[in-house]
Amino acid sequence: MTIVQAIIEVLKSENKPLKSNEIYQKIIDKKLYDFKAISPINIVRGQIRRHEMNSKMVNASSVKYFRELSDGSFELISPK
């Protein structure tokens, strides 16, 4: 499972928007991904941003899975 797949799995199973730190904690709790990074929450945050529909990142993905809400949480959308 990739980090993006783990994020998608968390958002599907929770069926509600979550903030990136909550998504990270659910990934850890459910043992969906074994992070080797020093700062894994930043990895989760970065992957969400790469696949977020309004991302202006240089390395943004053309496949969008997430939408940021006004409170800073993220929800799952259909890929475009």
Protein backbone atom coordinates (compact mmCIF):
# COMPACT_ATOMS: atom_id res chain seq x y z
CA MET A 1 0.00 0.00 0.00
CA THR A 2 1.26 3.48 -0.83
CA ILE A 3 0.91 6.53 1.41
CA VAL A 4 -1.77 7.95 -0.90
CA GLN A 5 -3.67 4.66 -0.78
CA ALA A 6 -3.46 4.71 3.03
CA ILE A 7 -4.80 8.29 3.11
CA ILE A 8 -7.68 7.31 0.82
CA GLU A 9 -8.43 4.24 2.97
CA VAL A 10 -8.58 6.38 6.12
CA LEU A 11 -10.89 8.97 4.56
CA LYS A 12 -13.17 6.24 3.17
CA SER A 13 -13.38 4.37 6.47
CA GLU A 14 -13.95 7.52 8.56
CA ASN A 15 -16.46 8.90 6.04
CA LYS A 16 -15.83 12.48 7.16
CA PRO A 17 -13.23 15.20 6.52
CA LEU A 18 -10.08 15.00 8.63
CA LYS A 19 -7.05 17.21 9.19
CA SER A 20 -3.67 15.89 8.05
CA ASN A 21 -2.49 15.12 11.59
CA GLU A 22 -5.68 13.10 12.19
CA ILE A 23 -5.17 11.21 8.93
CA TYR A 24 -1.59 10.45 9.92
CA GLN A 25 -2.67 9.14 13.34
CA LYS A 26 -5.34 6.89 11.79
CA ILE A 27 -2.75 5.47 9.38
CA ILE A 28 -0.55 4.62 12.37
CA ASP A 29 -3.45 3.26 14.47
CA LYS A 30 -4.65 1.01 11.64
CA LYS A 31 -1.07 0.02 10.69
CA LEU A 32 -1.71 0.91 7.06
CA TYR A 33 1.81 2.13 6.33
CA ASP A 34 5.20 1.72 8.00
CA PHE A 35 6.89 5.11 7.83
CA LYS A 36 10.68 5.20 7.72
CA ALA A 37 10.91 9.00 7.56
CA ILE A 38 12.11 11.23 10.40
CA SER A 39 9.02 13.45 10.01
CA PRO A 40 6.26 11.21 8.63
CA ILE A 41 3.46 13.70 9.23
CA ASN A 42 5.16 15.99 6.70
CA ILE A 43 5.17 13.14 4.19
CA VAL A 44 1.42 12.64 4.68
CA ARG A 45 0.79 16.39 4.40
CA GLY A 46 2.89 16.59 1.24
CA GLN A 47 1.07 13.70 -0.43
CA ILE A 48 -2.29 15.25 0.39
CA ARG A 49 -1.14 18.58 -1.08
CA ARG A 50 0.20 16.92 -4.26
CA HIS A 51 -3.21 15.32 -4.88
CA GLU A 52 -5.40 18.20 -3.65
CA MET A 53 -7.66 19.69 -6.30
CA ASN A 54 -6.47 23.30 -5.91
CA SER A 55 -2.79 22.48 -5.48
CA LYS A 56 -0.41 24.99 -6.98
CA MET A 57 2.69 22.92 -6.18
CA VAL A 58 5.28 22.57 -8.90
CA ASN A 59 5.21 18.79 -8.46
CA ALA A 60 1.42 18.54 -8.10
CA SER A 61 -0.11 15.37 -9.47
CA SER A 62 -2.58 15.54 -12.34
CA VAL A 63 -4.71 13.00 -10.44
CA LYS A 64 -6.73 14.69 -7.72
CA TYR A 65 -8.18 12.76 -4.77
CA PHE A 66 -8.66 15.39 -2.06
CA ARG A 67 -10.32 18.76 -1.47
CA GLU A 68 -9.34 21.12 1.35
CA LEU A 69 -12.23 22.59 3.32
CA SER A 70 -12.34 26.01 4.98
CA ASP A 71 -11.41 24.54 8.39
CA GLY A 72 -8.20 22.99 7.00
CA SER A 73 -9.54 19.46 6.86
CA PHE A 74 -9.54 17.29 3.76
CA GLU A 75 -12.23 15.20 2.14
CA LEU A 76 -12.09 12.53 -0.52
CA ILE A 77 -13.29 13.39 -4.02
CA SER A 78 -13.55 11.33 -7.17
CA PRO A 79 -10.34 11.37 -9.23
CA LYS A 80 -10.44 13.77 -12.17
